[in-house]
Amino acid sequence: MSGITFVRSPELPFLELKQCDSLNQLSYKKHFHEELSIGLVEEGSTRVWSEGQQFQASAGQVVCFPPLVPHACHPDNPSIWKYTMIFIHPEWFAGVPCDLEIHRPHFPVLLQGARGNRCRQLILACRSLLREDASPLEIESMLLELMHLTEVVVQPSPPVPDMDRAAPAVLQVKSYLDLHYKERITLDTLQEISGVSKFHLIRLFNATFHLAPHAYQNLLRINYAKRELLNGRPIADVAFDAGFYDQSHFTRTFSGCVGTTPLQYIRAASS
């Protein structure tokens, strides 16, 4: 691939992913975005200007800019310059203004370390999941983790949750997932049915069931798929019916849960 491409999902209108690969002449003038911007330098290096300061970002590093913060990038060699940028519009935070605070980091580059490594993994995973038309809930969960790791978005620590009061809301979410796990569910949907902020809901669900909502949904899908595969249905049909619109994503998720691919599972069951 060469050039600039954009990836979007109609179910996640607040999200846009941009990939830039090897342009002969590329240099961005000073600009800002309405969105929170988090990007990964995949190849090459660039000089980064942000609010009067200069930085250098090299392959493997993550850059992040809060909304409306002026910045500019000048690749050292545009012909080997490759990056992926995720844009998250503040409209995603609408309705929960007290939950999140967007602040300006001391510098826009995250250097080496476990935090940077995890950020890189999340950016690449989000890109793959968007291209595979994966579950919105899975993508949103990764975005939340990415925002907290960059520390561009700070979530104040809430009081220790009263699990007796939180339990009905969390059980509502579990019951909804039990009935609708094949569907393309978003965090906004779970927030609406539970009455709990989507940003706190993941924490409460984890505390109760030791799984994130998207992981629980995927497990329900995979267990359904196992039953259907043993009934002799074609793999592609089962994957689509279980809510996986991309067969490679289905195979990867199935293997991660079962330890074998769907085809290996069928063969082992019939041997």
C-alpha atoms as a PDB file:
ATOM      1  CA  MET A   1       0.000   0.000   0.000  1.00  0.00           C
ATOM      2  CA  SER A   2       1.216   3.496  -0.760  1.00  0.00           C
ATOM      3  CA  GLY A   3      -0.559   6.739   0.108  1.00  0.00           C
ATOM      4  CA  ILE A   4      -3.153   7.712   2.695  1.00  0.00           C
ATOM      5  CA  THR A   5      -6.186   5.606   3.606  1.00  0.00           C
ATOM      6  CA  PHE A   6      -8.989   6.087   6.121  1.00  0.00           C
ATOM      7  CA  VAL A   7     -10.948   3.391   7.942  1.00  0.00           C
ATOM      8  CA  ARG A   8     -14.295   4.084   9.609  1.00  0.00           C
ATOM      9  CA  SER A   9     -17.221   2.154  11.047  1.00  0.00           C
ATOM     10  CA  PRO A  10     -20.826   3.394  10.783  1.00  0.00           C
ATOM     11  CA  GLU A  11     -21.451   1.958  14.254  1.00  0.00           C
ATOM     12  CA  LEU A  12     -18.620   4.036  15.753  1.00  0.00           C
ATOM     13  CA  PRO A  13     -19.181   7.482  14.207  1.00  0.00           C
ATOM     14  CA  PHE A  14     -16.838   9.157  16.704  1.00  0.00           C
ATOM     15  CA  LEU A  15     -13.859   7.124  15.457  1.00  0.00           C
ATOM     16  CA  GLU A  16     -11.592   7.488  12.425  1.00  0.00           C
ATOM     17  CA  LEU A  17      -8.341   5.701  11.657  1.00  0.00           C
ATOM     18  CA  LYS A  18      -5.808   7.093   9.194  1.00  0.00           C
ATOM     19  CA  GLN A  19      -2.855   5.221   7.726  1.00  0.00           C
ATOM     20  CA  CYS A  20      -0.077   6.950   5.804  1.00  0.00           C
ATOM     21  CA  ASP A  21       2.503   4.971   3.899  1.00  0.00           C
ATOM     22  CA  SER A  22       5.501   6.226   1.905  1.00  0.00           C
ATOM     23  CA  LEU A  23       4.591   9.505   0.259  1.00  0.00           C
ATOM     24  CA  ASN A  24       7.364  11.208  -1.679  1.00  0.00           C
ATOM     25  CA  GLN A  25       6.503  14.695  -0.516  1.00  0.00           C
ATOM     26  CA  LEU A  26       4.693  15.010   2.773  1.00  0.00           C
ATOM     27  CA  SER A  27       4.936  17.708   5.412  1.00  0.00           C
ATOM     28  CA  TYR A  28       2.009  18.855   7.499  1.00  0.00           C
ATOM     29  CA  LYS A  29       1.589  22.554   8.217  1.00  0.00           C
ATOM     30  CA  LYS A  30       0.626  23.675  11.689  1.00  0.00           C
ATOM     31  CA  HIS A  31      -2.872  22.422  12.373  1.00  0.00           C
ATOM     32  CA  PHE A  32      -5.103  20.943  15.043  1.00  0.00           C
ATOM     33  CA  HIS A  33      -7.915  18.398  15.187  1.00  0.00           C
ATOM     34  CA  GLU A  34     -11.263  18.469  16.930  1.00  0.00           C
ATOM     35  CA  GLU A  35     -10.525  14.920  17.993  1.00  0.00           C
ATOM     36  CA  LEU A  36      -8.156  13.358  20.480  1.00  0.00           C
ATOM     37  CA  SER A  37      -5.320  12.073  18.254  1.00  0.00           C
ATOM     38  CA  ILE A  38      -3.128   9.077  19.107  1.00  0.00           C
ATOM     39  CA  GLY A  39      -0.653   7.782  16.551  1.00  0.00           C
ATOM     40  CA  LEU A  40       2.054   5.183  16.028  1.00  0.00           C
ATOM     41  CA  VAL A  41       5.201   5.843  13.990  1.00  0.00           C
ATOM     42  CA  GLU A  42       5.701   2.530  12.193  1.00  0.00           C
ATOM     43  CA  GLU A  43       8.636   3.358   9.921  1.00  0.00           C
ATOM     44  CA  GLY A  44      11.020   6.298   9.549  1.00  0.00           C
ATOM     45  CA  SER A  45      11.221   9.310  11.841  1.00  0.00           C
ATOM     46  CA  THR A  46       9.773  12.801  12.033  1.00  0.00           C
ATOM     47  CA  ARG A  47      10.289  16.138  13.665  1.00  0.00           C
ATOM     48  CA  VAL A  48       7.235  17.013  15.746  1.00  0.00           C
ATOM     49  CA  TRP A  49       6.292  20.600  16.543  1.00  0.00           C
ATOM     50  CA  SER A  50       3.713  21.117  19.278  1.00  0.00           C
ATOM     51  CA  GLU A  51       2.856  24.486  20.797  1.00  0.00           C
ATOM     52  CA  GLY A  52       6.271  26.002  20.205  1.00  0.00           C
ATOM     53  CA  GLN A  53       8.332  22.961  21.203  1.00  0.00           C
ATOM     54  CA  GLN A  54      10.268  20.554  18.963  1.00  0.00           C
ATOM     55  CA  PHE A  55      10.518  16.781  19.443  1.00  0.00           C
ATOM     56  CA  GLN A  56      11.802  13.816  17.484  1.00  0.00           C
ATOM     57  CA  ALA A  57       9.628  10.742  17.010  1.00  0.00           C
ATOM     58  CA  SER A  58      11.094   7.525  15.591  1.00  0.00           C
ATOM     59  CA  ALA A  59       9.750   4.137  14.518  1.00  0.00           C
ATOM     60  CA  GLY A  60       7.938   2.393  17.353  1.00  0.00           C
ATOM     61  CA  GLN A  61       7.078   5.555  19.258  1.00  0.00           C
ATOM     62  CA  VAL A  62       3.594   6.832  20.013  1.00  0.00           C
ATOM     63  CA  VAL A  63       2.515  10.461  19.658  1.00  0.00           C
ATOM     64  CA  CYS A  64      -0.648  11.921  21.119  1.00  0.00           C
ATOM     65  CA  PHE A  65      -2.355  15.301  20.953  1.00  0.00           C
ATOM     66  CA  PRO A  66      -5.441  16.474  22.872  1.00  0.00           C
ATOM     67  CA  PRO A  67      -8.228  18.134  20.864  1.00  0.00           C
ATOM     68  CA  LEU A  68      -7.487  21.614  19.490  1.00  0.00           C
ATOM     69  CA  VAL A  69      -3.754  21.504  20.341  1.00  0.00           C
ATOM     70  CA  PRO A  70      -1.721  22.958  17.429  1.00  0.00           C
ATOM     71  CA  HIS A  71       1.006  20.666  16.062  1.00  0.00           C
ATOM     72  CA  ALA A  72       2.894  19.748  12.894  1.00  0.00           C
ATOM     73  CA  CYS A  73       4.988  16.830  11.618  1.00  0.00           C
ATOM     74  CA  HIS A  74       7.916  17.006   9.193  1.00  0.00           C
ATOM     75  CA  PRO A  75       9.161  13.515   8.218  1.00  0.00           C
ATOM     76  CA  ASP A  76      12.938  13.207   7.829  1.00  0.00           C
ATOM     77  CA  ASN A  77      12.429  11.044   4.739  1.00  0.00           C
ATOM     78  CA  PRO A  78       8.805  10.924   3.489  1.00  0.00           C
ATOM     79  CA  SER A  79       9.547   7.990   1.148  1.00  0.00           C
ATOM     80  CA  ILE A  80      10.034   5.672   4.142  1.00  0.00           C
ATOM     81  CA  TRP A  81       7.575   7.436   6.477  1.00  0.00           C
ATOM     82  CA  LYS A  82       4.715   5.257   7.708  1.00  0.00           C
ATOM     83  CA  TYR A  83       2.296   5.869  10.553  1.00  0.00           C
ATOM     84  CA  THR A  84      -1.179   5.048  11.836  1.00  0.00           C
ATOM     85  CA  MET A  85      -3.265   7.691  13.623  1.00  0.00           C
ATOM     86  CA  ILE A  86      -6.460   7.164  15.583  1.00  0.00           C
ATOM     87  CA  PHE A  87      -8.879  10.083  15.970  1.00  0.00           C
ATOM     88  CA  ILE A  88     -11.468   9.930  18.773  1.00  0.00           C
ATOM     89  CA  HIS A  89     -14.062  12.708  18.747  1.00  0.00           C
ATOM     90  CA  PRO A  90     -15.028  14.193  22.143  1.00  0.00           C
ATOM     91  CA  GLU A  91     -18.673  13.446  21.292  1.00  0.00           C
ATOM     92  CA  TRP A  92     -17.913   9.950  22.608  1.00  0.00           C
ATOM     93  CA  PHE A  93     -17.587  11.531  26.054  1.00  0.00           C
ATOM     94  CA  ALA A  94     -20.927  13.360  25.745  1.00  0.00           C
ATOM     95  CA  GLY A  95     -23.326  12.657  28.546  1.00  0.00           C
ATOM     96  CA  VAL A  96     -20.611  11.807  31.032  1.00  0.00           C
ATOM     97  CA  PRO A  97     -18.761  15.145  31.428  1.00  0.00           C
ATOM     98  CA  CYS A  98     -17.654  14.396  34.956  1.00  0.00           C
ATOM     99  CA  ASP A  99     -16.065  11.065  34.091  1.00  0.00           C
ATOM    100  CA  LEU A 100     -13.178  12.142  31.921  1.00  0.00           C
ATOM    101  CA  GLU A 101     -10.790  15.058  31.899  1.00  0.00           C
ATOM    102  CA  ILE A 102      -8.693  15.775  28.813  1.00  0.00           C
ATOM    103  CA  HIS A 103      -5.398  17.423  29.664  1.00  0.00           C
ATOM    104  CA  ARG A 104      -2.184  18.284  27.887  1.00  0.00           C
ATOM    105  CA  PRO A 105       0.789  15.978  28.448  1.00  0.00           C
ATOM    106  CA  HIS A 106       4.251  17.313  29.182  1.00  0.00           C
ATOM    107  CA  PHE A 107       5.370  16.082  25.762  1.00  0.00           C
ATOM    108  CA  PRO A 108       3.558  14.485  22.837  1.00  0.00           C
ATOM    109  CA  VAL A 109       5.894  11.489  22.525  1.00  0.00           C
ATOM    110  CA  LEU A 110       5.715   8.332  24.616  1.00  0.00           C
ATOM    111  CA  LEU A 111       9.174   6.859  24.835  1.00  0.00           C
ATOM    112  CA  GLN A 112      10.270   3.254  25.372  1.00  0.00           C
ATOM    113  CA  GLY A 113       8.812   1.013  28.056  1.00  0.00           C
ATOM    114  CA  ALA A 114       5.938  -1.310  28.829  1.00  0.00           C
ATOM    115  CA  ARG A 115       3.371   1.461  28.477  1.00  0.00           C
ATOM    116  CA  GLY A 116       4.595   2.374  25.007  1.00  0.00           C
ATOM    117  CA  ASN A 117       4.685  -1.290  23.956  1.00  0.00           C
ATOM    118  CA  ARG A 118       1.103  -1.790  25.054  1.00  0.00           C
ATOM    119  CA  CYS A 119       0.011   1.372  23.234  1.00  0.00           C
ATOM    120  CA  ARG A 120       1.585   0.074  20.028  1.00  0.00           C
ATOM    121  CA  GLN A 121      -0.201  -3.251  20.411  1.00  0.00           C
ATOM    122  CA  LEU A 122      -3.545  -1.531  20.952  1.00  0.00           C
ATOM    123  CA  ILE A 123      -3.193   0.794  17.948  1.00  0.00           C
ATOM    124  CA  LEU A 124      -2.336  -2.083  15.617  1.00  0.00           C
ATOM    125  CA  ALA A 125      -5.104  -4.235  17.079  1.00  0.00           C
ATOM    126  CA  CYS A 126      -7.673  -1.454  16.611  1.00  0.00           C
ATOM    127  CA  ARG A 127      -6.589  -1.086  13.000  1.00  0.00           C
ATOM    128  CA  SER A 128      -6.985  -4.812  12.354  1.00  0.00           C
ATOM    129  CA  LEU A 129     -10.346  -5.001  14.110  1.00  0.00           C
ATOM    130  CA  LEU A 130     -11.733  -2.025  12.196  1.00  0.00           C
ATOM    131  CA  ARG A 131     -10.681  -3.557   8.897  1.00  0.00           C
ATOM    132  CA  GLU A 132     -12.226  -6.875   9.917  1.00  0.00           C
ATOM    133  CA  ASP A 133     -15.509  -5.183  10.856  1.00  0.00           C
ATOM    134  CA  ALA A 134     -15.146  -6.656  14.341  1.00  0.00           C
ATOM    135  CA  SER A 135     -17.396  -6.170  17.356  1.00  0.00           C
ATOM    136  CA  PRO A 136     -17.810  -2.465  18.268  1.00  0.00           C
ATOM    137  CA  LEU A 137     -17.637  -3.396  21.939  1.00  0.00           C
ATOM    138  CA  GLU A 138     -14.196  -4.951  21.485  1.00  0.00           C
ATOM    139  CA  ILE A 139     -12.858  -1.904  19.638  1.00  0.00           C
ATOM    140  CA  GLU A 140     -14.272   0.546  22.194  1.00  0.00           C
ATOM    141  CA  SER A 141     -12.708  -1.374  25.083  1.00  0.00           C
ATOM    142  CA  MET A 142      -9.302  -1.116  23.432  1.00  0.00           C
ATOM    143  CA  LEU A 143      -9.778   2.606  22.836  1.00  0.00           C
ATOM    144  CA  LEU A 144     -10.518   3.177  26.522  1.00  0.00           C
ATOM    145  CA  GLU A 145      -7.352   1.359  27.548  1.00  0.00           C
ATOM    146  CA  LEU A 146      -5.337   3.293  24.969  1.00  0.00           C
ATOM    147  CA  MET A 147      -6.624   6.661  26.209  1.00  0.00           C
ATOM    148  CA  HIS A 148      -5.710   5.871  29.798  1.00  0.00           C
ATOM    149  CA  LEU A 149      -2.239   4.588  28.874  1.00  0.00           C
ATOM    150  CA  THR A 150      -1.372   7.743  26.952  1.00  0.00           C
ATOM    151  CA  GLU A 151      -2.455   9.818  29.968  1.00  0.00           C
ATOM    152  CA  VAL A 152      -3.945  12.378  27.616  1.00  0.00           C
ATOM    153  CA  VAL A 153      -7.266  11.421  29.140  1.00  0.00           C
ATOM    154  CA  VAL A 154      -7.427  11.100  32.890  1.00  0.00           C
ATOM    155  CA  GLN A 155     -10.235   9.320  34.647  1.00  0.00           C
ATOM    156  CA  PRO A 156     -10.524  10.420  38.266  1.00  0.00           C
ATOM    157  CA  SER A 157     -10.550   7.468  40.629  1.00  0.00           C
ATOM    158  CA  PRO A 158     -14.133   6.894  41.719  1.00  0.00           C
ATOM    159  CA  PRO A 159     -15.032   5.923  45.249  1.00  0.00           C
ATOM    160  CA  VAL A 160     -14.792   2.229  46.028  1.00  0.00           C
ATOM    161  CA  PRO A 161     -17.952   0.884  44.371  1.00  0.00           C
ATOM    162  CA  ASP A 162     -20.781  -0.385  46.527  1.00  0.00           C
ATOM    163  CA  MET A 163     -21.111  -3.779  44.871  1.00  0.00           C
ATOM    164  CA  ASP A 164     -24.553  -4.325  46.400  1.00  0.00           C
ATOM    165  CA  ARG A 165     -25.800  -1.194  44.628  1.00  0.00           C
ATOM    166  CA  ALA A 166     -23.809  -1.847  41.470  1.00  0.00           C
ATOM    167  CA  ALA A 167     -24.825  -5.511  41.192  1.00  0.00           C
ATOM    168  CA  PRO A 168     -28.289  -4.932  39.635  1.00  0.00           C
ATOM    169  CA  ALA A 169     -26.828  -2.741  36.890  1.00  0.00           C
ATOM    170  CA  VAL A 170     -24.007  -5.178  36.145  1.00  0.00           C
ATOM    171  CA  LEU A 171     -26.431  -8.107  36.127  1.00  0.00           C
ATOM    172  CA  GLN A 172     -28.616  -6.191  33.679  1.00  0.00           C
ATOM    173  CA  VAL A 173     -25.648  -5.881  31.359  1.00  0.00           C
ATOM    174  CA  LYS A 174     -24.799  -9.573  31.706  1.00  0.00           C
ATOM    175  CA  SER A 175     -28.401 -10.560  30.995  1.00  0.00           C
ATOM    176  CA  TYR A 176     -28.457  -8.307  27.944  1.00  0.00           C
ATOM    177  CA  LEU A 177     -25.238  -9.864  26.632  1.00  0.00           C
ATOM    178  CA  ASP A 178     -26.613 -13.358  27.295  1.00  0.00           C
ATOM    179  CA  LEU A 179     -29.580 -12.595  25.040  1.00  0.00           C
ATOM    180  CA  HIS A 180     -27.930 -10.403  22.401  1.00  0.00           C
ATOM    181  CA  TYR A 181     -24.346 -11.672  22.165  1.00  0.00           C
ATOM    182  CA  LYS A 182     -24.603 -12.225  18.398  1.00  0.00           C
ATOM    183  CA  GLU A 183     -25.449  -8.552  17.858  1.00  0.00           C
ATOM    184  CA  ARG A 184     -23.083  -5.617  17.352  1.00  0.00           C
ATOM    185  CA  ILE A 185     -23.309  -4.009  20.775  1.00  0.00           C
ATOM    186  CA  THR A 186     -21.737  -0.676  21.735  1.00  0.00           C
ATOM    187  CA  LEU A 187     -20.814   0.766  25.116  1.00  0.00           C
ATOM    188  CA  ASP A 188     -23.512   3.397  24.636  1.00  0.00           C
ATOM    189  CA  THR A 189     -26.093   0.607  24.526  1.00  0.00           C
ATOM    190  CA  LEU A 190     -24.789  -0.937  27.754  1.00  0.00           C
ATOM    191  CA  GLN A 191     -24.691   2.471  29.421  1.00  0.00           C
ATOM    192  CA  GLU A 192     -28.288   3.100  28.464  1.00  0.00           C
ATOM    193  CA  ILE A 193     -29.644  -0.179  29.822  1.00  0.00           C
ATOM    194  CA  SER A 194     -27.572  -0.107  33.038  1.00  0.00           C
ATOM    195  CA  GLY A 195     -27.660   3.587  33.931  1.00  0.00           C
ATOM    196  CA  VAL A 196     -23.923   3.398  34.703  1.00  0.00           C
ATOM    197  CA  SER A 197     -21.295   5.453  32.878  1.00  0.00           C
ATOM    198  CA  LYS A 198     -19.695   3.363  30.156  1.00  0.00           C
ATOM    199  CA  PHE A 199     -16.267   4.270  31.520  1.00  0.00           C
ATOM    200  CA  HIS A 200     -17.072   2.920  35.004  1.00  0.00           C
ATOM    201  CA  LEU A 201     -19.156   0.050  33.675  1.00  0.00           C
ATOM    202  CA  ILE A 202     -16.154  -1.859  32.334  1.00  0.00           C
ATOM    203  CA  ARG A 203     -14.463  -1.584  35.733  1.00  0.00           C
ATOM    204  CA  LEU A 204     -17.568  -2.815  37.565  1.00  0.00           C
ATOM    205  CA  PHE A 205     -18.147  -5.668  35.134  1.00  0.00           C
ATOM    206  CA  ASN A 206     -14.513  -6.742  35.490  1.00  0.00           C
ATOM    207  CA  ALA A 207     -14.737  -6.603  39.276  1.00  0.00           C
ATOM    208  CA  THR A 208     -17.832  -8.795  39.241  1.00  0.00           C
ATOM    209  CA  PHE A 209     -17.089 -11.357  36.533  1.00  0.00           C
ATOM    210  CA  HIS A 210     -13.294 -11.006  36.071  1.00  0.00           C
ATOM    211  CA  LEU A 211     -13.876 -10.364  32.369  1.00  0.00           C
ATOM    212  CA  ALA A 212     -14.464  -7.239  30.318  1.00  0.00           C
ATOM    213  CA  PRO A 213     -17.902  -7.060  28.628  1.00  0.00           C
ATOM    214  CA  HIS A 214     -16.425  -7.575  25.161  1.00  0.00           C
ATOM    215  CA  ALA A 215     -14.468 -10.638  26.342  1.00  0.00           C
ATOM    216  CA  TYR A 216     -17.634 -12.102  27.856  1.00  0.00           C
ATOM    217  CA  GLN A 217     -19.520 -11.464  24.613  1.00  0.00           C
ATOM    218  CA  ASN A 218     -16.788 -13.183  22.586  1.00  0.00           C
ATOM    219  CA  LEU A 219     -16.851 -16.218  24.871  1.00  0.00           C
ATOM    220  CA  LEU A 220     -20.599 -16.537  24.398  1.00  0.00           C
ATOM    221  CA  ARG A 221     -20.093 -16.335  20.644  1.00  0.00           C
ATOM    222  CA  ILE A 222     -17.355 -18.959  20.626  1.00  0.00           C
ATOM    223  CA  ASN A 223     -19.333 -21.402  22.753  1.00  0.00           C
ATOM    224  CA  TYR A 224     -22.270 -20.984  20.379  1.00  0.00           C
ATOM    225  CA  ALA A 225     -19.926 -21.560  17.442  1.00  0.00           C
ATOM    226  CA  LYS A 226     -18.579 -24.767  18.971  1.00  0.00           C
ATOM    227  CA  ARG A 227     -22.080 -26.203  19.271  1.00  0.00           C
ATOM    228  CA  GLU A 228     -22.976 -25.242  15.714  1.00  0.00           C
ATOM    229  CA  LEU A 229     -19.744 -26.625  14.256  1.00  0.00           C
ATOM    230  CA  LEU A 230     -20.391 -29.957  15.941  1.00  0.00           C
ATOM    231  CA  ASN A 231     -23.821 -29.941  14.295  1.00  0.00           C
ATOM    232  CA  GLY A 232     -22.076 -29.968  10.926  1.00  0.00           C
ATOM    233  CA  ARG A 233     -22.665 -26.393   9.793  1.00  0.00           C
ATOM    234  CA  PRO A 234     -20.059 -24.775   7.485  1.00  0.00           C
ATOM    235  CA  ILE A 235     -17.407 -22.689   9.257  1.00  0.00           C
ATOM    236  CA  ALA A 236     -18.161 -19.527   7.269  1.00  0.00           C
ATOM    237  CA  ASP A 237     -21.878 -19.733   8.076  1.00  0.00           C
ATOM    238  CA  VAL A 238     -21.221 -20.298  11.768  1.00  0.00           C
ATOM    239  CA  ALA A 239     -18.762 -17.406  11.927  1.00  0.00           C
ATOM    240  CA  PHE A 240     -21.229 -14.995  10.343  1.00  0.00           C
ATOM    241  CA  ASP A 241     -24.149 -16.210  12.439  1.00  0.00           C
ATOM    242  CA  ALA A 242     -22.099 -15.839  15.630  1.00  0.00           C
ATOM    243  CA  GLY A 243     -21.439 -12.189  14.824  1.00  0.00           C
ATOM    244  CA  PHE A 244     -18.019 -12.394  13.171  1.00  0.00           C
ATOM    245  CA  TYR A 245     -18.119 -10.628   9.823  1.00  0.00           C
ATOM    246  CA  ASP A 246     -14.519 -11.548   9.031  1.00  0.00           C
ATOM    247  CA  GLN A 247     -13.495 -15.209   9.057  1.00  0.00           C
ATOM    248  CA  SER A 248      -9.864 -14.525   9.980  1.00  0.00           C
ATOM    249  CA  HIS A 249     -11.033 -12.628  13.072  1.00  0.00           C
ATOM    250  CA  PHE A 250     -13.313 -15.554  13.937  1.00  0.00           C
ATOM    251  CA  THR A 251     -10.469 -18.047  13.539  1.00  0.00           C
ATOM    252  CA  ARG A 252      -8.114 -15.966  15.673  1.00  0.00           C
ATOM    253  CA  THR A 253     -10.691 -15.487  18.437  1.00  0.00           C
ATOM    254  CA  PHE A 254     -11.729 -19.163  18.316  1.00  0.00           C
ATOM    255  CA  SER A 255      -8.103 -20.322  18.546  1.00  0.00           C
ATOM    256  CA  GLY A 256      -7.457 -18.002  21.469  1.00  0.00           C
ATOM    257  CA  CYS A 257     -10.372 -19.480  23.420  1.00  0.00           C
ATOM    258  CA  VAL A 258     -10.328 -23.144  22.326  1.00  0.00           C
ATOM    259  CA  GLY A 259      -6.655 -23.676  21.541  1.00  0.00           C
ATOM    260  CA  THR A 260      -7.284 -24.927  17.997  1.00  0.00           C
ATOM    261  CA  THR A 261      -8.677 -23.501  14.789  1.00  0.00           C
ATOM    262  CA  PRO A 262     -12.335 -24.211  13.916  1.00  0.00           C
ATOM    263  CA  LEU A 263     -11.240 -26.730  11.263  1.00  0.00           C
ATOM    264  CA  GLN A 264      -8.947 -28.537  13.707  1.00  0.00           C
ATOM    265  CA  TYR A 265     -11.766 -28.572  16.241  1.00  0.00           C
ATOM    266  CA  ILE A 266     -14.135 -30.225  13.771  1.00  0.00           C
ATOM    267  CA  ARG A 267     -11.552 -32.816  12.747  1.00  0.00           C
ATOM    268  CA  ALA A 268     -10.690 -33.649  16.363  1.00  0.00           C
ATOM    269  CA  ALA A 269     -14.360 -34.065  17.236  1.00  0.00           C
ATOM    270  CA  SER A 270     -14.954 -36.461  14.330  1.00  0.00           C
ATOM    271  CA  SER A 271     -11.838 -38.590  14.843  1.00  0.00           C
END
